[in-house]
N, C-alpha and C. Protein backbone atom coordinates (compact mmCIF):
# COMPACT_ATOMS: atom_id res chain seq x y z
N UNK A 1 2.80 40.11 2.22
CA UNK A 1 1.40 39.27 2.86
C UNK A 1 2.59 38.10 2.93
N UNK A 2 2.01 37.15 4.19
CA UNK A 2 2.51 35.80 4.26
C UNK A 2 1.83 34.36 3.77
N UNK A 3 2.13 33.67 2.62
CA UNK A 3 1.15 32.82 2.31
C UNK A 3 1.00 31.89 3.31
N UNK A 4 -0.28 30.91 3.05
CA UNK A 4 -0.12 30.00 4.52
C UNK A 4 0.65 28.38 3.80
N UNK A 5 0.85 27.79 4.81
CA UNK A 5 2.16 26.59 3.70
C UNK A 5 0.37 25.79 3.63
N UNK A 6 0.91 25.02 2.71
CA UNK A 6 0.00 24.04 2.19
C UNK A 6 -0.10 22.94 3.12
N UNK A 7 -0.41 21.88 3.57
CA UNK A 7 -0.30 20.77 3.78
C UNK A 7 -0.11 19.25 3.04
N UNK A 8 -0.73 20.04 2.25
CA UNK A 8 0.00 18.81 0.88
C UNK A 8 1.20 19.54 0.13
N UNK A 9 1.76 19.76 0.95
CA UNK A 9 3.15 20.39 -0.42
C UNK A 9 4.21 19.07 -0.07
N UNK A 10 4.48 18.72 0.70
CA UNK A 10 5.33 17.28 1.00
C UNK A 10 4.68 16.55 -0.11
N UNK A 11 3.77 16.23 -0.02
CA UNK A 11 2.85 15.09 -1.03
C UNK A 11 3.25 15.70 -2.47
N UNK A 12 2.94 17.23 -2.82
CA UNK A 12 2.62 17.27 -4.39
C UNK A 12 4.16 17.49 -5.03
N UNK A 13 5.27 17.89 -3.71
CA UNK A 13 6.60 17.86 -3.81
C UNK A 13 7.17 16.48 -4.75
N UNK A 14 6.45 15.12 -4.28
CA UNK A 14 7.20 13.74 -4.28
C UNK A 14 5.96 12.81 -4.99
N UNK A 15 5.41 13.71 -5.61
CA UNK A 15 3.76 13.20 -6.52
C UNK A 15 4.86 12.31 -8.10
N UNK A 16 5.39 13.47 -8.88
CA UNK A 16 5.63 13.44 -10.29
C UNK A 16 6.48 11.96 -10.06
N UNK A 17 7.31 11.74 -8.50
CA UNK A 17 8.11 11.07 -9.35
C UNK A 17 7.76 9.72 -8.47
N UNK A 18 6.46 9.25 -8.37
CA UNK A 18 5.71 8.33 -7.96
C UNK A 18 5.04 7.32 -8.66
N UNK A 19 5.88 6.34 -9.10
CA UNK A 19 6.07 5.25 -10.35
C UNK A 19 4.91 4.41 -10.21
N UNK A 20 3.56 4.08 -10.66
CA UNK A 20 2.80 3.10 -10.91
C UNK A 20 3.87 1.52 -10.25
N UNK A 21 2.78 0.99 -9.65
CA UNK A 21 2.97 0.11 -8.93
C UNK A 21 4.40 -0.25 -7.12
N UNK A 22 4.80 1.48 -6.87
CA UNK A 22 5.54 1.66 -6.06
C UNK A 22 4.17 1.52 -5.00
N UNK A 23 4.91 1.39 -3.50
CA UNK A 23 4.32 1.06 -2.65
C UNK A 23 3.99 2.13 -1.09
N UNK A 24 2.81 2.71 -0.90
CA UNK A 24 2.91 3.36 -0.41
C UNK A 24 1.88 2.75 1.61
N UNK A 25 2.80 3.52 2.27
CA UNK A 25 2.64 2.64 3.60
C UNK A 25 2.14 3.64 4.52
N UNK A 26 1.03 3.07 5.40
CA UNK A 26 0.74 4.37 6.33
C UNK A 26 0.96 3.98 7.54
N UNK A 27 1.09 5.28 8.47
CA UNK A 27 1.45 5.09 9.83
C UNK A 27 0.41 5.66 10.89
N UNK A 28 -0.30 5.09 11.71
CA UNK A 28 -1.15 6.30 12.46
C UNK A 28 -1.01 5.70 13.88
N UNK A 29 -1.89 6.55 14.90
CA UNK A 29 -2.22 6.01 16.29
C UNK A 29 -3.40 5.95 16.62
N UNK A 30 -4.54 5.57 15.63
CA UNK A 30 -5.96 5.57 16.27
C UNK A 30 -5.92 4.15 17.03
N UNK A 31 -6.84 4.07 17.18
CA UNK A 31 -7.25 2.54 17.97
C UNK A 31 -7.10 1.37 17.43
N UNK A 32 -7.68 1.43 16.11
CA UNK A 32 -7.26 -0.01 15.31
C UNK A 32 -5.95 -0.05 15.09
N UNK A 33 -5.53 0.93 14.46
CA UNK A 33 -3.77 1.56 14.14
C UNK A 33 -2.79 0.74 15.31
N UNK A 34 -3.10 1.08 16.47
CA UNK A 34 -2.46 0.42 17.75
C UNK A 34 -2.84 -0.63 18.19
N UNK A 35 -3.79 -0.99 17.70
CA UNK A 35 -4.25 -2.73 17.79
C UNK A 35 -3.11 -3.95 16.80
N UNK A 36 -3.19 -3.24 15.41
CA UNK A 36 -2.28 -3.99 14.52
C UNK A 36 -0.63 -3.78 14.87
N UNK A 37 -0.40 -2.05 15.87
CA UNK A 37 1.06 -2.08 15.62
C UNK A 37 1.44 -3.33 16.90
N UNK A 38 0.50 -3.13 17.54
CA UNK A 38 0.53 -4.15 18.72
C UNK A 38 0.96 -5.59 18.71
N UNK A 39 0.51 -5.93 17.27
CA UNK A 39 0.39 -7.60 16.96
C UNK A 39 1.46 -7.50 16.28
N UNK A 40 1.79 -6.63 15.33
CA UNK A 40 3.02 -6.65 13.76
C UNK A 40 4.38 -5.88 14.95
N UNK A 41 4.44 -5.34 15.34
CA UNK A 41 5.19 -4.15 16.45
C UNK A 41 6.37 -3.56 15.78
N UNK A 42 5.22 -2.94 14.60
CA UNK A 42 5.57 -1.89 13.83
C UNK A 42 4.78 -0.93 13.76
N UNK A 43 4.91 0.48 13.95
CA UNK A 43 4.01 1.65 13.45
C UNK A 43 3.57 1.64 12.28
N UNK A 44 3.95 0.97 11.29
CA UNK A 44 3.09 0.44 10.25
C UNK A 44 1.94 -0.18 9.54
N UNK A 45 0.73 0.54 9.55
CA UNK A 45 -0.38 -0.08 9.79
C UNK A 45 -1.63 -0.52 8.67
N UNK A 46 -0.80 -0.50 7.42
CA UNK A 46 -1.73 -0.31 6.01
C UNK A 46 -0.68 -0.11 5.02
N UNK A 47 -1.35 -0.92 3.71
CA UNK A 47 -0.51 -0.33 2.49
C UNK A 47 -0.98 -0.61 1.48
N UNK A 48 -0.57 0.28 0.51
CA UNK A 48 -1.42 0.07 -0.90
C UNK A 48 -0.19 0.11 -2.13
N UNK A 49 -0.79 0.04 -2.65
CA UNK A 49 0.42 0.41 -4.21
C UNK A 49 -0.18 1.64 -5.21
N UNK A 50 0.93 2.41 -5.41
CA UNK A 50 0.67 3.50 -6.50
C UNK A 50 -0.16 2.99 -7.88
N UNK A 51 -0.58 3.61 -8.85
CA UNK A 51 -1.23 3.70 -9.93
C UNK A 51 -1.27 4.86 -10.74
N UNK A 52 -0.62 5.08 -11.56
CA UNK A 52 -1.17 6.38 -12.21
C UNK A 52 -2.24 5.90 -13.60
N UNK A 53 -3.30 7.33 -13.55
CA UNK A 53 -4.36 6.67 -14.78
C UNK A 53 -4.06 7.82 -15.10
N UNK A 54 -4.55 8.29 -16.53
CA UNK A 54 -5.32 9.17 -17.55
C UNK A 54 -7.19 9.80 -16.99
N UNK A 55 -7.02 10.14 -16.62
CA UNK A 55 -7.99 10.80 -16.47
C UNK A 55 -8.68 12.43 -17.28
N UNK A 56 -9.31 11.84 -17.90
CA UNK A 56 -9.95 13.52 -18.64
C UNK A 56 -8.89 14.27 -18.93
N UNK A 57 -7.75 13.38 -19.46
CA UNK A 57 -6.98 14.25 -20.25
C UNK A 57 -5.37 14.75 -19.36
N UNK A 58 -6.11 14.26 -18.15
CA UNK A 58 -4.78 14.44 -17.05
C UNK A 58 -4.30 13.51 -16.39
N UNK A 59 -2.70 12.65 -15.87
CA UNK A 59 -2.61 12.15 -15.50
C UNK A 59 -3.10 12.47 -14.01
N UNK A 60 -3.61 11.14 -13.34
CA UNK A 60 -3.74 11.21 -12.05
C UNK A 60 -3.00 10.15 -11.08
N UNK A 61 -3.07 10.29 -9.99
CA UNK A 61 -1.90 9.32 -9.55
C UNK A 61 -3.39 8.60 -8.59
N UNK A 62 -3.41 7.73 -8.35
CA UNK A 62 -4.38 6.73 -7.60
C UNK A 62 -3.90 5.68 -6.54
N UNK A 63 -4.35 4.78 -5.56
CA UNK A 63 -3.61 4.54 -4.34
C UNK A 63 -4.97 2.94 -5.18
N UNK A 64 -4.28 1.89 -5.17
CA UNK A 64 -5.14 0.96 -4.82
C UNK A 64 -4.92 0.13 -3.38
N UNK A 65 -5.79 -0.07 -2.89
CA UNK A 65 -5.59 -0.53 -1.70
C UNK A 65 -7.00 -0.96 -0.90
N UNK A 66 -7.02 -2.35 -0.33
CA UNK A 66 -7.62 -3.24 0.28
C UNK A 66 -8.17 -2.35 2.01
N UNK A 67 -9.35 -2.27 1.89
CA UNK A 67 -9.67 -1.12 2.60
C UNK A 67 -10.91 -1.97 2.96
N UNK A 68 -11.67 -1.47 4.26
CA UNK A 68 -13.42 -2.10 4.96
C UNK A 68 -13.98 -2.90 3.61
N UNK A 69 -14.11 -1.86 2.91
CA UNK A 69 -14.70 -2.13 1.83
C UNK A 69 -14.44 -3.11 0.44
N UNK A 70 -13.37 -3.25 0.70
CA UNK A 70 -12.85 -4.47 -0.25
C UNK A 70 -11.29 -3.63 -0.87
N UNK A 71 -11.06 -3.92 -1.74
CA UNK A 71 -10.00 -3.67 -2.95
C UNK A 71 -10.85 -2.79 -3.67
N UNK A 72 -10.05 -1.18 -3.60
CA UNK A 72 -10.24 -0.10 -3.51
C UNK A 72 -9.62 0.54 -4.89
N UNK A 73 -9.84 1.56 -5.57
CA UNK A 73 -9.14 2.96 -6.22
C UNK A 73 -9.19 3.73 -5.76
N UNK A 74 -7.88 4.68 -4.83
CA UNK A 74 -9.18 5.97 -4.73
C UNK A 74 -7.70 6.88 -4.99
N UNK A 75 -7.97 8.12 -5.37
CA UNK A 75 -7.35 9.27 -5.49
C UNK A 75 -6.58 9.40 -4.11
N UNK A 76 -4.69 9.61 -4.93
CA UNK A 76 -3.94 9.44 -3.58
C UNK A 76 -4.01 10.65 -3.27
N UNK A 77 -4.39 11.73 -3.62
CA UNK A 77 -4.21 13.26 -3.14
C UNK A 77 -5.24 13.30 -2.09
N UNK A 78 -6.81 12.45 -2.24
CA UNK A 78 -7.49 12.76 -1.13
C UNK A 78 -7.62 11.44 -0.55
N UNK A 79 -6.63 10.60 -0.54
CA UNK A 79 -6.26 9.61 0.53
C UNK A 79 -5.33 10.37 1.40
N UNK A 80 -4.67 11.29 1.00
CA UNK A 80 -3.25 11.34 1.52
C UNK A 80 -4.29 13.26 2.69
N UNK A 81 -4.98 13.99 2.33
CA UNK A 81 -5.22 14.42 2.58
C UNK A 81 -6.14 14.29 3.74
N UNK A 82 -6.89 12.86 3.58
CA UNK A 82 -7.84 12.41 4.55
C UNK A 82 -6.89 11.73 5.73
N UNK A 83 -5.48 10.95 5.45
CA UNK A 83 -4.83 9.92 6.16
C UNK A 83 -4.09 11.44 7.22
N UNK A 84 -3.65 12.80 6.62
CA UNK A 84 -2.70 13.26 7.58
C UNK A 84 -3.18 13.82 9.02
N UNK A 85 -3.81 13.96 9.15
CA UNK A 85 -5.18 14.50 10.54
C UNK A 85 -4.47 12.86 11.57
N UNK A 86 -4.20 12.04 10.90
CA UNK A 86 -4.42 10.69 11.93
C UNK A 86 -3.24 9.74 11.80
N UNK A 87 -1.93 10.50 10.69
CA UNK A 87 -0.51 9.71 10.64
C UNK A 87 0.17 9.78 9.65
N UNK A 88 1.27 9.31 8.95
CA UNK A 88 2.07 9.70 8.16
C UNK A 88 1.96 8.87 7.12
N UNK A 89 2.64 8.57 5.88
CA UNK A 89 2.01 8.10 4.39
C UNK A 89 3.92 8.13 4.30
N UNK A 90 4.28 7.01 3.94
CA UNK A 90 5.63 6.43 3.79
C UNK A 90 5.28 6.25 1.80
N UNK A 91 6.37 6.62 1.35
CA UNK A 91 6.91 6.27 -0.25
C UNK A 91 7.50 5.83 -0.59
N UNK A 92 7.17 3.82 -1.08
CA UNK A 92 8.67 3.43 -0.72
C UNK A 92 8.98 2.52 -2.54
N UNK A 93 10.56 3.29 -2.90
CA UNK A 93 10.13 3.03 -4.06
C UNK A 93 10.53 1.05 -4.51
N UNK A 94 9.81 0.82 -5.28
CA UNK A 94 10.16 0.06 -6.36
C UNK A 94 11.87 -0.39 -6.39
N UNK A 95 12.38 -1.57 -5.93
CA UNK A 95 13.86 -1.60 -6.59
C UNK A 95 14.38 -1.49 -8.22
N UNK A 96 15.08 -1.32 -8.34
CA UNK A 96 15.07 -1.18 -10.02
C UNK A 96 15.25 -2.45 -11.03
N UNK A 97 15.60 -3.93 -9.83
CA UNK A 97 15.84 -4.89 -10.73
C UNK A 97 14.51 -4.90 -10.90
N UNK A 98 13.44 -4.86 -10.55
CA UNK A 98 11.65 -5.12 -10.56
C UNK A 98 11.01 -4.04 -11.44
N UNK A 99 11.49 -2.46 -11.66
CA UNK A 99 10.91 -1.82 -11.85
C UNK A 99 10.72 -2.15 -13.10
N UNK A 100 11.07 -2.53 -14.38
CA UNK A 100 10.14 -2.85 -15.30
C UNK A 100 8.79 -3.57 -15.01
N UNK A 101 8.58 -4.41 -13.85
CA UNK A 101 7.38 -5.03 -13.44
C UNK A 101 6.45 -4.07 -12.75
N UNK A 102 6.59 -2.92 -12.79
CA UNK A 102 5.62 -2.32 -11.77
C UNK A 102 3.87 -1.90 -12.66
N UNK A 103 4.20 -1.75 -13.24
CA UNK A 103 2.85 -1.82 -14.54
C UNK A 103 2.08 -3.18 -14.58
N UNK A 104 2.78 -4.20 -14.47
CA UNK A 104 2.29 -5.30 -14.59
C UNK A 104 1.40 -5.59 -13.25
N UNK A 105 2.44 -5.16 -11.84
CA UNK A 105 1.86 -5.64 -10.91
C UNK A 105 0.51 -5.16 -10.67
N UNK A 106 0.74 -3.62 -10.75
CA UNK A 106 -0.18 -2.69 -10.91
C UNK A 106 -1.66 -3.22 -11.43
N UNK A 107 -1.38 -3.41 -12.46
CA UNK A 107 -2.33 -4.02 -13.57
C UNK A 107 -3.28 -5.48 -12.91
N UNK A 108 -2.29 -6.20 -12.42
CA UNK A 108 -3.00 -7.51 -11.86
C UNK A 108 -3.85 -7.19 -10.32
N UNK A 109 -3.46 -6.27 -9.65
CA UNK A 109 -4.54 -5.64 -8.57
C UNK A 109 -5.36 -4.59 -9.56
N UNK A 110 -5.73 -4.04 -10.22
CA UNK A 110 -6.52 -3.38 -10.58
C UNK A 110 -7.64 -4.58 -10.75
N UNK A 111 -7.42 -5.64 -11.23
CA UNK A 111 -8.34 -7.26 -12.04
C UNK A 111 -8.60 -7.38 -9.96
N UNK A 112 -8.29 -6.79 -9.00
CA UNK A 112 -8.88 -7.42 -8.03
C UNK A 112 -9.45 -6.32 -7.69
N UNK A 113 -9.99 -5.05 -7.99
CA UNK A 113 -10.66 -4.24 -7.26
C UNK A 113 -12.13 -4.64 -6.98
N UNK A 114 -12.86 -4.30 -5.78
CA UNK A 114 -14.26 -5.14 -5.54
C UNK A 114 -14.06 -6.60 -4.70
N UNK A 115 -12.39 -6.94 -4.82
CA UNK A 115 -12.66 -8.08 -3.97
C UNK A 115 -13.25 -7.71 -2.45
N UNK A 116 -13.84 -8.39 -2.23
CA UNK A 116 -13.70 -8.23 -0.48
C UNK A 116 -12.99 -7.87 0.35
N UNK A 117 -13.08 -7.34 1.35
CA UNK A 117 -11.85 -7.51 2.28
C UNK A 117 -11.68 -8.61 3.14
N UNK A 118 -10.46 -9.28 3.80
CA UNK A 118 -10.63 -10.06 4.16
C UNK A 118 -10.41 -10.19 5.65
N UNK A 119 -11.66 -9.47 6.19
CA UNK A 119 -11.45 -9.50 8.04
C UNK A 119 -11.87 -10.78 8.40
N UNK A 120 -11.87 -12.14 8.27
CA UNK A 120 -11.54 -13.16 8.83
C UNK A 120 -9.63 -13.52 9.15
N UNK A 121 -9.15 -13.67 8.32
CA UNK A 121 -7.79 -13.34 8.20
C UNK A 121 -6.81 -12.22 8.87
N UNK A 122 -7.53 -11.30 8.63
CA UNK A 122 -7.23 -10.28 9.24
C UNK A 122 -6.79 -10.65 10.55
N UNK A 123 -7.84 -10.93 11.36
CA UNK A 123 -8.47 -10.90 13.35
C UNK A 123 -7.16 -12.39 13.52
N UNK A 124 -7.20 -13.56 12.21
CA UNK A 124 -6.22 -14.90 12.40
C UNK A 124 -4.92 -14.02 12.26
N UNK A 125 -4.35 -13.55 11.89
CA UNK A 125 -3.29 -12.72 11.48
C UNK A 125 -2.55 -12.60 12.44
N UNK A 126 -3.58 -11.75 13.67
CA UNK A 126 -2.78 -11.40 15.40
C UNK A 126 -2.59 -12.76 16.06
N UNK A 127 -3.32 -13.95 15.80
CA UNK A 127 -2.77 -14.77 16.35
C UNK A 127 -1.92 -15.82 15.65
N UNK A 128 -1.84 -15.88 14.55
CA UNK A 128 -1.20 -16.55 14.22
C UNK A 128 -1.40 -16.33 12.59
N UNK A 129 0.21 -16.22 11.90
CA UNK A 129 0.40 -16.25 10.34
C UNK A 129 -0.58 -16.70 9.72
N UNK A 130 -0.82 -16.64 8.72
CA UNK A 130 -2.13 -17.20 8.01
C UNK A 130 -1.26 -16.95 6.22
N UNK A 131 -2.27 -17.86 5.72
CA UNK A 131 -1.86 -17.79 3.70
C UNK A 131 -2.48 -16.70 3.48
N UNK A 132 -2.31 -16.72 2.06
CA UNK A 132 -2.99 -15.40 1.59
C UNK A 132 -4.22 -17.00 0.59
N UNK A 133 -5.01 -15.80 0.77
CA UNK A 133 -6.67 -16.80 0.01
C UNK A 133 -6.63 -15.45 -0.65
N UNK A 134 -6.77 -15.49 -2.08
CA UNK A 134 -7.23 -14.09 -3.00
C UNK A 134 -8.53 -14.61 -3.22
N UNK A 135 -9.39 -15.09 -2.53
CA UNK A 135 -10.99 -14.55 -2.57
C UNK A 135 -10.83 -13.37 -1.73
N UNK A 136 -10.69 -12.85 -0.87
CA UNK A 136 -10.70 -12.23 -0.12
C UNK A 136 -9.56 -11.09 0.33
N UNK A 137 -9.19 -10.11 0.73
CA UNK A 137 -7.63 -9.70 0.63
C UNK A 137 -7.75 -8.54 1.63
N UNK A 138 -6.82 -8.91 2.61
CA UNK A 138 -6.40 -7.19 3.56
C UNK A 138 -5.36 -6.74 2.69
N UNK A 139 -4.62 -5.57 3.47
CA UNK A 139 -4.02 -4.50 2.59
C UNK A 139 -2.52 -5.18 2.09
N UNK A 140 -2.09 -5.55 3.42
CA UNK A 140 -0.83 -6.33 2.46
C UNK A 140 -0.42 -7.51 1.97
N UNK A 141 -1.43 -8.45 2.26
CA UNK A 141 -2.02 -9.40 1.51
C UNK A 141 -2.30 -8.71 -0.46
N UNK A 142 -2.87 -8.31 -0.62
CA UNK A 142 -3.47 -7.26 -1.80
C UNK A 142 -1.98 -6.45 -2.42
N UNK A 143 -0.80 -5.67 -1.90
CA UNK A 143 -0.01 -5.44 -2.48
C UNK A 143 1.12 -6.75 -3.01
N UNK A 144 0.75 -7.55 -2.63
CA UNK A 144 1.69 -8.84 -2.51
C UNK A 144 1.49 -9.36 -3.27
N UNK A 145 0.21 -10.05 -3.35
CA UNK A 145 -0.29 -10.75 -3.95
C UNK A 145 0.07 -11.19 -5.55
N UNK A 146 0.21 -9.37 -6.47
CA UNK A 146 0.61 -9.41 -7.61
C UNK A 146 1.94 -9.92 -8.02
N UNK A 147 2.91 -10.01 -7.00
CA UNK A 147 4.66 -9.92 -6.96
C UNK A 147 4.58 -11.84 -6.64
N UNK A 148 3.79 -12.10 -5.95
CA UNK A 148 4.10 -13.44 -5.56
C UNK A 148 3.41 -14.44 -6.76
N UNK A 149 2.63 -13.68 -7.55
CA UNK A 149 2.17 -14.55 -8.95
C UNK A 149 2.95 -13.77 -9.94
N UNK A 150 3.66 -13.09 -10.09
CA UNK A 150 4.77 -12.74 -11.22
C UNK A 150 6.33 -13.37 -11.35
N UNK A 151 6.25 -13.40 -10.08
CA UNK A 151 7.71 -13.69 -9.60
C UNK A 151 7.49 -14.77 -9.06
N UNK A 152 6.35 -15.94 -8.98
CA UNK A 152 6.29 -17.31 -8.91
C UNK A 152 7.18 -18.10 -7.52
N UNK A 153 6.94 -17.04 -6.71
CA UNK A 153 6.96 -17.33 -4.85
C UNK A 153 6.44 -19.06 -4.93
N UNK A 154 7.00 -19.57 -3.99
CA UNK A 154 6.34 -21.18 -3.40
C UNK A 154 5.14 -21.37 -2.95
N UNK A 155 4.64 -21.88 -3.00
CA UNK A 155 3.10 -22.08 -2.23
C UNK A 155 3.40 -22.87 -0.74
N UNK A 156 2.99 -22.49 -0.11
CA UNK A 156 1.74 -21.47 0.52
C UNK A 156 2.59 -20.40 0.98
N UNK A 157 1.89 -18.71 -0.06
CA UNK A 157 2.39 -17.97 0.40
C UNK A 157 2.14 -17.20 1.86
N UNK A 158 2.64 -16.79 2.81
CA UNK A 158 2.25 -16.50 3.99
C UNK A 158 2.07 -14.92 4.02
N UNK A 159 0.90 -14.55 4.05
CA UNK A 159 0.70 -13.13 4.46
C UNK A 159 1.34 -12.03 5.39
N UNK A 160 1.98 -11.38 4.31
CA UNK A 160 2.60 -10.62 5.33
C UNK A 160 2.20 -9.51 6.04
N UNK A 161 2.82 -8.88 7.43
CA UNK A 161 2.48 -7.45 8.00
C UNK A 161 2.55 -6.48 7.19
N UNK A 162 1.58 -5.29 7.24
CA UNK A 162 2.24 -4.07 6.15
C UNK A 162 3.71 -3.54 6.14
N UNK A 163 4.36 -3.83 7.38
CA UNK A 163 5.53 -3.42 7.39
C UNK A 163 6.24 -4.47 6.74
N UNK A 164 6.18 -5.56 7.01
CA UNK A 164 6.75 -6.91 5.97
C UNK A 164 6.68 -6.12 3.96
N UNK A 165 6.11 -5.37 3.50
CA UNK A 165 5.81 -5.32 2.43
C UNK A 165 7.40 -5.01 1.94
N UNK A 166 7.95 -4.21 2.69
CA UNK A 166 8.61 -3.16 2.22
C UNK A 166 10.60 -4.50 2.87
N UNK A 167 10.13 -5.33 3.25
CA UNK A 167 11.23 -6.23 3.84
C UNK A 167 12.08 -6.69 2.92
N UNK A 168 13.54 -7.36 3.49
CA UNK A 168 14.59 -7.89 2.82
C UNK A 168 14.09 -9.25 1.76
N UNK A 169 13.33 -9.81 3.16
CA UNK A 169 13.21 -10.90 2.51
C UNK A 169 12.36 -11.48 0.91
N UNK A 170 11.68 -10.06 0.61
CA UNK A 170 10.62 -10.17 -0.13
C UNK A 170 11.36 -9.59 -1.56
N UNK A 171 12.15 -8.49 -1.09
CA UNK A 171 13.39 -7.63 -2.11
C UNK A 171 12.87 -7.44 -3.31
N UNK A 172 11.44 -6.52 -2.75
CA UNK A 172 11.30 -6.10 -4.43
C UNK A 172 10.74 -4.11 -3.96
N UNK A 173 10.42 -3.87 -2.59
CA UNK A 173 10.46 -2.79 -2.64
C UNK A 173 12.01 -1.78 -1.62
N UNK A 174 12.24 -1.14 -1.66
CA UNK A 174 13.07 -0.32 -0.90
C UNK A 174 13.25 0.01 0.56
N UNK A 175 13.98 -0.26 1.73
CA UNK A 175 13.48 -0.33 2.74
C UNK A 175 13.17 1.04 2.96
N UNK A 176 13.93 2.05 3.02
CA UNK A 176 14.21 3.10 3.50
C UNK A 176 12.92 3.61 2.08
N UNK A 177 11.90 4.90 2.97
CA UNK A 177 10.87 5.53 2.16
C UNK A 177 11.07 6.94 2.72
N UNK A 178 10.70 7.46 1.68
CA UNK A 178 10.48 8.63 1.92
C UNK A 178 8.96 9.46 2.56
N UNK A 179 8.75 10.14 3.43
CA UNK A 179 7.84 10.62 4.09
C UNK A 179 7.24 11.54 2.90
N UNK A 180 5.73 11.27 2.80
CA UNK A 180 5.22 12.34 2.07
C UNK A 180 3.51 13.24 2.62
N UNK A 181 3.74 13.09 3.59
CA UNK A 181 2.86 13.86 4.85
C UNK A 181 3.47 14.77 5.46
């Protein structure tokens, strides 16, 4: 008997190697994502940060991300399954020189869970680049805010597009990612 393919197998094969603080980038072709791609010039339209948490005696992988309901903590397996019909997910490792800061970056972002989504800045970002306002956050602002604070980057800090999270300008994440969907 032929066993059906598990659509989450690619994710499951990589899950144990994902570290807290690693970046997860999303690519999609839905209407909102196409609009984001138009303005950013990239197929990458969303970003989040990985976080391992012990739940009921088991290690579970979560993603901390700014979505329309605000900065949220979601099971990575659920987000992967939900996203699969819409596009692809990419895992970008923290560069070795910053790997020791992954836990601290995720802890800082966890403190932002519940922060409102930054709709206004997201819309302005399509017209001109905006500075991060940490009272409200959109996805790439949320991922890069802890790094900005920890590494004491100069102010004002211009909010990156989702694809810029892995740019050499910041030097935090490996540019080449691994597909997990």
